[in-house]
Amino acid sequence: MNALIWTIILSFLPISELRGGMIYAVYSGMNPYSAFFLCVIINLIAIIFAFFFLDFLHKEFMKIKIYRKVFDRYMEGIRKKAKGLEKQIGNYGFLALAIFVAVPIPGTGAWTGALIAWYLGLDRKKSILSISLGVLGAGIIILLGILGFIRIF
């Protein structure tokens, strides 16, 4: 598969998201700014897909034993993250969700942000805006890291 397809796949997947997609794209020879725009757009699309999945498909998938087991295990970690974030959202509004999504460490990102917003029953439009700002922030952080790394070499 070519680098563009892999970049799109990595930017969409919950495990790597734009963090993995941007690094792979630049490593594969793509211009860092092009990688930034492509990966941010794909990760924004993932937000809509995540909410669509949770709203319409999740109930059907819960009937599948292996999915239910994996989802329940994953939700244990989400509940812990959401518990701490719920207090922050109460104090700081949706800025806390945006910051959570923007921090480029494993376990944060658009997919987890959408899952937390869904789990807490947050306003959908505000959540999508907040998560989108977080994705943009994460993209900028990763882009600055990539540009700094390129400059070193």
C-alpha atoms as a PDB file:
ATOM      1  CA  MET A   1       0.000   0.000   0.000  1.00  0.00           C
ATOM      2  CA  ASN A   2       1.249   3.447  -0.682  1.00  0.00           C
ATOM      3  CA  ALA A   3       2.195   5.966   1.989  1.00  0.00           C
ATOM      4  CA  LEU A   4      -0.891   8.136   1.465  1.00  0.00           C
ATOM      5  CA  ILE A   5      -3.270   5.246   2.163  1.00  0.00           C
ATOM      6  CA  TRP A   6      -1.295   4.218   5.268  1.00  0.00           C
ATOM      7  CA  THR A   7      -1.279   7.809   6.490  1.00  0.00           C
ATOM      8  CA  ILE A   8      -5.061   7.973   6.160  1.00  0.00           C
ATOM      9  CA  ILE A   9      -5.539   4.628   7.908  1.00  0.00           C
ATOM     10  CA  LEU A  10      -3.193   5.515  10.765  1.00  0.00           C
ATOM     11  CA  SER A  11      -4.835   8.926  11.224  1.00  0.00           C
ATOM     12  CA  PHE A  12      -8.266   7.324  11.437  1.00  0.00           C
ATOM     13  CA  LEU A  13      -7.473   4.421  13.773  1.00  0.00           C
ATOM     14  CA  PRO A  14      -8.115   4.910  17.495  1.00  0.00           C
ATOM     15  CA  ILE A  15      -4.706   3.538  18.455  1.00  0.00           C
ATOM     16  CA  SER A  16      -2.515   5.856  16.387  1.00  0.00           C
ATOM     17  CA  GLU A  17      -4.767   8.741  15.282  1.00  0.00           C
ATOM     18  CA  LEU A  18      -3.074  11.781  13.782  1.00  0.00           C
ATOM     19  CA  ARG A  19      -0.038  11.318  16.021  1.00  0.00           C
ATOM     20  CA  GLY A  20       0.935   8.138  14.237  1.00  0.00           C
ATOM     21  CA  GLY A  21      -0.330   9.301  10.860  1.00  0.00           C
ATOM     22  CA  MET A  22       1.724  12.492  10.800  1.00  0.00           C
ATOM     23  CA  ILE A  23       4.932  10.805  11.897  1.00  0.00           C
ATOM     24  CA  TYR A  24       4.469   8.039   9.330  1.00  0.00           C
ATOM     25  CA  ALA A  25       3.638  10.518   6.564  1.00  0.00           C
ATOM     26  CA  VAL A  26       6.732  12.635   7.161  1.00  0.00           C
ATOM     27  CA  TYR A  27       8.905   9.541   7.557  1.00  0.00           C
ATOM     28  CA  SER A  28       7.536   8.382   4.181  1.00  0.00           C
ATOM     29  CA  GLY A  29       8.575  11.649   2.536  1.00  0.00           C
ATOM     30  CA  MET A  30       5.425  13.760   2.722  1.00  0.00           C
ATOM     31  CA  ASN A  31       5.791  17.479   3.358  1.00  0.00           C
ATOM     32  CA  PRO A  32       5.167  18.097   7.095  1.00  0.00           C
ATOM     33  CA  TYR A  33       2.539  20.769   6.396  1.00  0.00           C
ATOM     34  CA  SER A  34       0.677  18.529   3.943  1.00  0.00           C
ATOM     35  CA  ALA A  35       0.831  15.723   6.499  1.00  0.00           C
ATOM     36  CA  PHE A  36      -0.575  18.075   9.145  1.00  0.00           C
ATOM     37  CA  PHE A  37      -3.583  19.113   7.045  1.00  0.00           C
ATOM     38  CA  LEU A  38      -4.348  15.598   5.815  1.00  0.00           C
ATOM     39  CA  CYS A  39      -4.047  13.961   9.230  1.00  0.00           C
ATOM     40  CA  VAL A  40      -6.075  16.643  11.022  1.00  0.00           C
ATOM     41  CA  ILE A  41      -8.888  16.349   8.464  1.00  0.00           C
ATOM     42  CA  ILE A  42      -8.945  12.547   8.709  1.00  0.00           C
ATOM     43  CA  ASN A  43      -8.910  12.704  12.518  1.00  0.00           C
ATOM     44  CA  LEU A  44     -11.812  15.202  12.445  1.00  0.00           C
ATOM     45  CA  ILE A  45     -13.775  12.757  10.309  1.00  0.00           C
ATOM     46  CA  ALA A  46     -13.040  10.095  12.935  1.00  0.00           C
ATOM     47  CA  ILE A  47     -14.891  12.197  15.548  1.00  0.00           C
ATOM     48  CA  ILE A  48     -18.103  12.058  13.523  1.00  0.00           C
ATOM     49  CA  PHE A  49     -17.613   8.364  12.853  1.00  0.00           C
ATOM     50  CA  ALA A  50     -16.990   7.656  16.560  1.00  0.00           C
ATOM     51  CA  PHE A  51     -20.236   9.338  17.614  1.00  0.00           C
ATOM     52  CA  PHE A  52     -22.142   7.636  14.774  1.00  0.00           C
ATOM     53  CA  PHE A  53     -20.764   4.267  15.850  1.00  0.00           C
ATOM     54  CA  LEU A  54     -21.570   4.845  19.527  1.00  0.00           C
ATOM     55  CA  ASP A  55     -25.081   6.133  18.791  1.00  0.00           C
ATOM     56  CA  PHE A  56     -26.193   3.627  16.170  1.00  0.00           C
ATOM     57  CA  LEU A  57     -23.939   0.565  15.936  1.00  0.00           C
ATOM     58  CA  HIS A  58     -22.611   0.033  19.444  1.00  0.00           C
ATOM     59  CA  LYS A  59     -25.816  -1.592  20.758  1.00  0.00           C
ATOM     60  CA  GLU A  60     -25.720  -4.188  17.991  1.00  0.00           C
ATOM     61  CA  PHE A  61     -22.030  -4.911  18.530  1.00  0.00           C
ATOM     62  CA  MET A  62     -22.639  -5.409  22.265  1.00  0.00           C
ATOM     63  CA  LYS A  63     -24.491  -8.606  21.303  1.00  0.00           C
ATOM     64  CA  ILE A  64     -21.129 -10.045  20.172  1.00  0.00           C
ATOM     65  CA  LYS A  65     -19.381 -11.603  23.155  1.00  0.00           C
ATOM     66  CA  ILE A  66     -15.790 -10.709  22.192  1.00  0.00           C
ATOM     67  CA  TYR A  67     -16.734  -7.105  21.420  1.00  0.00           C
ATOM     68  CA  ARG A  68     -18.587  -6.760  24.717  1.00  0.00           C
ATOM     69  CA  LYS A  69     -15.598  -8.165  26.631  1.00  0.00           C
ATOM     70  CA  VAL A  70     -13.094  -5.847  24.929  1.00  0.00           C
ATOM     71  CA  PHE A  71     -15.399  -2.829  25.229  1.00  0.00           C
ATOM     72  CA  ASP A  72     -16.109  -3.441  28.910  1.00  0.00           C
ATOM     73  CA  ARG A  73     -12.402  -3.796  29.665  1.00  0.00           C
ATOM     74  CA  TYR A  74     -11.596  -0.625  27.713  1.00  0.00           C
ATOM     75  CA  MET A  75     -14.414   1.243  29.465  1.00  0.00           C
ATOM     76  CA  GLU A  76     -12.818   0.544  32.845  1.00  0.00           C
ATOM     77  CA  GLY A  77      -9.970   2.874  31.868  1.00  0.00           C
ATOM     78  CA  ILE A  78     -12.359   5.365  30.268  1.00  0.00           C
ATOM     79  CA  ARG A  79     -14.430   5.537  33.440  1.00  0.00           C
ATOM     80  CA  LYS A  80     -11.316   6.426  35.423  1.00  0.00           C
ATOM     81  CA  LYS A  81     -10.336   9.125  32.923  1.00  0.00           C
ATOM     82  CA  ALA A  82     -13.900  10.408  32.695  1.00  0.00           C
ATOM     83  CA  LYS A  83     -14.253  10.559  36.476  1.00  0.00           C
ATOM     84  CA  GLY A  84     -11.335  12.981  36.761  1.00  0.00           C
ATOM     85  CA  LEU A  85     -12.314  14.843  33.613  1.00  0.00           C
ATOM     86  CA  GLU A  86     -15.943  15.224  34.706  1.00  0.00           C
ATOM     87  CA  LYS A  87     -14.848  17.442  37.596  1.00  0.00           C
ATOM     88  CA  GLN A  88     -12.652  19.488  35.256  1.00  0.00           C
ATOM     89  CA  ILE A  89     -15.473  19.871  32.731  1.00  0.00           C
ATOM     90  CA  GLY A  90     -17.694  21.133  35.524  1.00  0.00           C
ATOM     91  CA  ASN A  91     -15.056  23.687  36.534  1.00  0.00           C
ATOM     92  CA  TYR A  92     -13.567  24.672  33.181  1.00  0.00           C
ATOM     93  CA  GLY A  93     -16.217  23.779  30.634  1.00  0.00           C
ATOM     94  CA  PHE A  94     -15.336  22.041  27.430  1.00  0.00           C
ATOM     95  CA  LEU A  95     -11.832  23.520  27.451  1.00  0.00           C
ATOM     96  CA  ALA A  96     -10.862  20.576  29.687  1.00  0.00           C
ATOM     97  CA  LEU A  97     -12.040  18.107  27.025  1.00  0.00           C
ATOM     98  CA  ALA A  98     -10.125  19.992  24.319  1.00  0.00           C
ATOM     99  CA  ILE A  99      -6.942  19.969  26.398  1.00  0.00           C
ATOM    100  CA  PHE A 100      -7.375  16.267  27.182  1.00  0.00           C
ATOM    101  CA  VAL A 101      -7.656  15.473  23.463  1.00  0.00           C
ATOM    102  CA  ALA A 102      -4.748  17.764  22.541  1.00  0.00           C
ATOM    103  CA  VAL A 103      -2.218  16.136  24.863  1.00  0.00           C
ATOM    104  CA  PRO A 104      -0.230  13.838  22.562  1.00  0.00           C
ATOM    105  CA  ILE A 105       0.153  10.814  24.813  1.00  0.00           C
ATOM    106  CA  PRO A 106      -1.290   7.318  24.460  1.00  0.00           C
ATOM    107  CA  GLY A 107      -4.893   7.063  25.613  1.00  0.00           C
ATOM    108  CA  THR A 108      -5.899  10.579  24.665  1.00  0.00           C
ATOM    109  CA  GLY A 109      -7.199  11.787  21.321  1.00  0.00           C
ATOM    110  CA  ALA A 110     -10.369  12.175  19.311  1.00  0.00           C
ATOM    111  CA  TRP A 111     -11.664   8.644  19.813  1.00  0.00           C
ATOM    112  CA  THR A 112     -11.201   8.703  23.586  1.00  0.00           C
ATOM    113  CA  GLY A 113     -12.574  12.244  23.759  1.00  0.00           C
ATOM    114  CA  ALA A 114     -15.694  11.163  21.858  1.00  0.00           C
ATOM    115  CA  LEU A 115     -16.100   8.119  24.079  1.00  0.00           C
ATOM    116  CA  ILE A 116     -15.806  10.234  27.227  1.00  0.00           C
ATOM    117  CA  ALA A 117     -18.285  12.832  25.904  1.00  0.00           C
ATOM    118  CA  TRP A 118     -20.701  10.025  24.970  1.00  0.00           C
ATOM    119  CA  TYR A 119     -20.252   8.288  28.323  1.00  0.00           C
ATOM    120  CA  LEU A 120     -20.837  11.514  30.277  1.00  0.00           C
ATOM    121  CA  GLY A 121     -23.787  12.501  28.073  1.00  0.00           C
ATOM    122  CA  LEU A 122     -22.253  15.855  27.161  1.00  0.00           C
ATOM    123  CA  ASP A 123     -23.837  18.194  24.628  1.00  0.00           C
ATOM    124  CA  ARG A 124     -22.960  16.717  21.233  1.00  0.00           C
ATOM    125  CA  LYS A 125     -22.310  19.916  19.276  1.00  0.00           C
ATOM    126  CA  LYS A 126     -20.155  21.422  22.024  1.00  0.00           C
ATOM    127  CA  SER A 127     -18.306  18.131  22.405  1.00  0.00           C
ATOM    128  CA  ILE A 128     -17.566  17.907  18.684  1.00  0.00           C
ATOM    129  CA  LEU A 129     -16.269  21.489  18.717  1.00  0.00           C
ATOM    130  CA  SER A 130     -14.179  20.835  21.828  1.00  0.00           C
ATOM    131  CA  ILE A 131     -12.711  17.592  20.485  1.00  0.00           C
ATOM    132  CA  SER A 132     -12.023  19.278  17.137  1.00  0.00           C
ATOM    133  CA  LEU A 133     -10.056  22.024  18.880  1.00  0.00           C
ATOM    134  CA  GLY A 134      -8.152  19.326  20.734  1.00  0.00           C
ATOM    135  CA  VAL A 135      -7.341  17.530  17.476  1.00  0.00           C
ATOM    136  CA  LEU A 136      -6.082  20.784  15.989  1.00  0.00           C
ATOM    137  CA  GLY A 137      -3.976  21.399  19.102  1.00  0.00           C
ATOM    138  CA  ALA A 138      -2.521  17.885  18.995  1.00  0.00           C
ATOM    139  CA  GLY A 139      -1.728  18.345  15.318  1.00  0.00           C
ATOM    140  CA  ILE A 140       0.109  21.595  16.004  1.00  0.00           C
ATOM    141  CA  ILE A 141       2.086  20.001  18.860  1.00  0.00           C
ATOM    142  CA  ILE A 142       3.089  17.048  16.680  1.00  0.00           C
ATOM    143  CA  LEU A 143       3.926  19.335  13.733  1.00  0.00           C
ATOM    144  CA  LEU A 144       6.178  21.485  15.929  1.00  0.00           C
ATOM    145  CA  GLY A 145       7.850  18.341  17.236  1.00  0.00           C
ATOM    146  CA  ILE A 146       8.413  17.016  13.721  1.00  0.00           C
ATOM    147  CA  LEU A 147       9.787  20.356  12.483  1.00  0.00           C
ATOM    148  CA  GLY A 148      12.122  20.529  15.471  1.00  0.00           C
ATOM    149  CA  PHE A 149      13.275  16.978  14.887  1.00  0.00           C
ATOM    150  CA  ILE A 150      13.898  17.663  11.188  1.00  0.00           C
ATOM    151  CA  ARG A 151      15.892  20.788  12.077  1.00  0.00           C
ATOM    152  CA  ILE A 152      18.153  18.780  14.380  1.00  0.00           C
ATOM    153  CA  PHE A 153      19.082  16.508  11.490  1.00  0.00           C
END
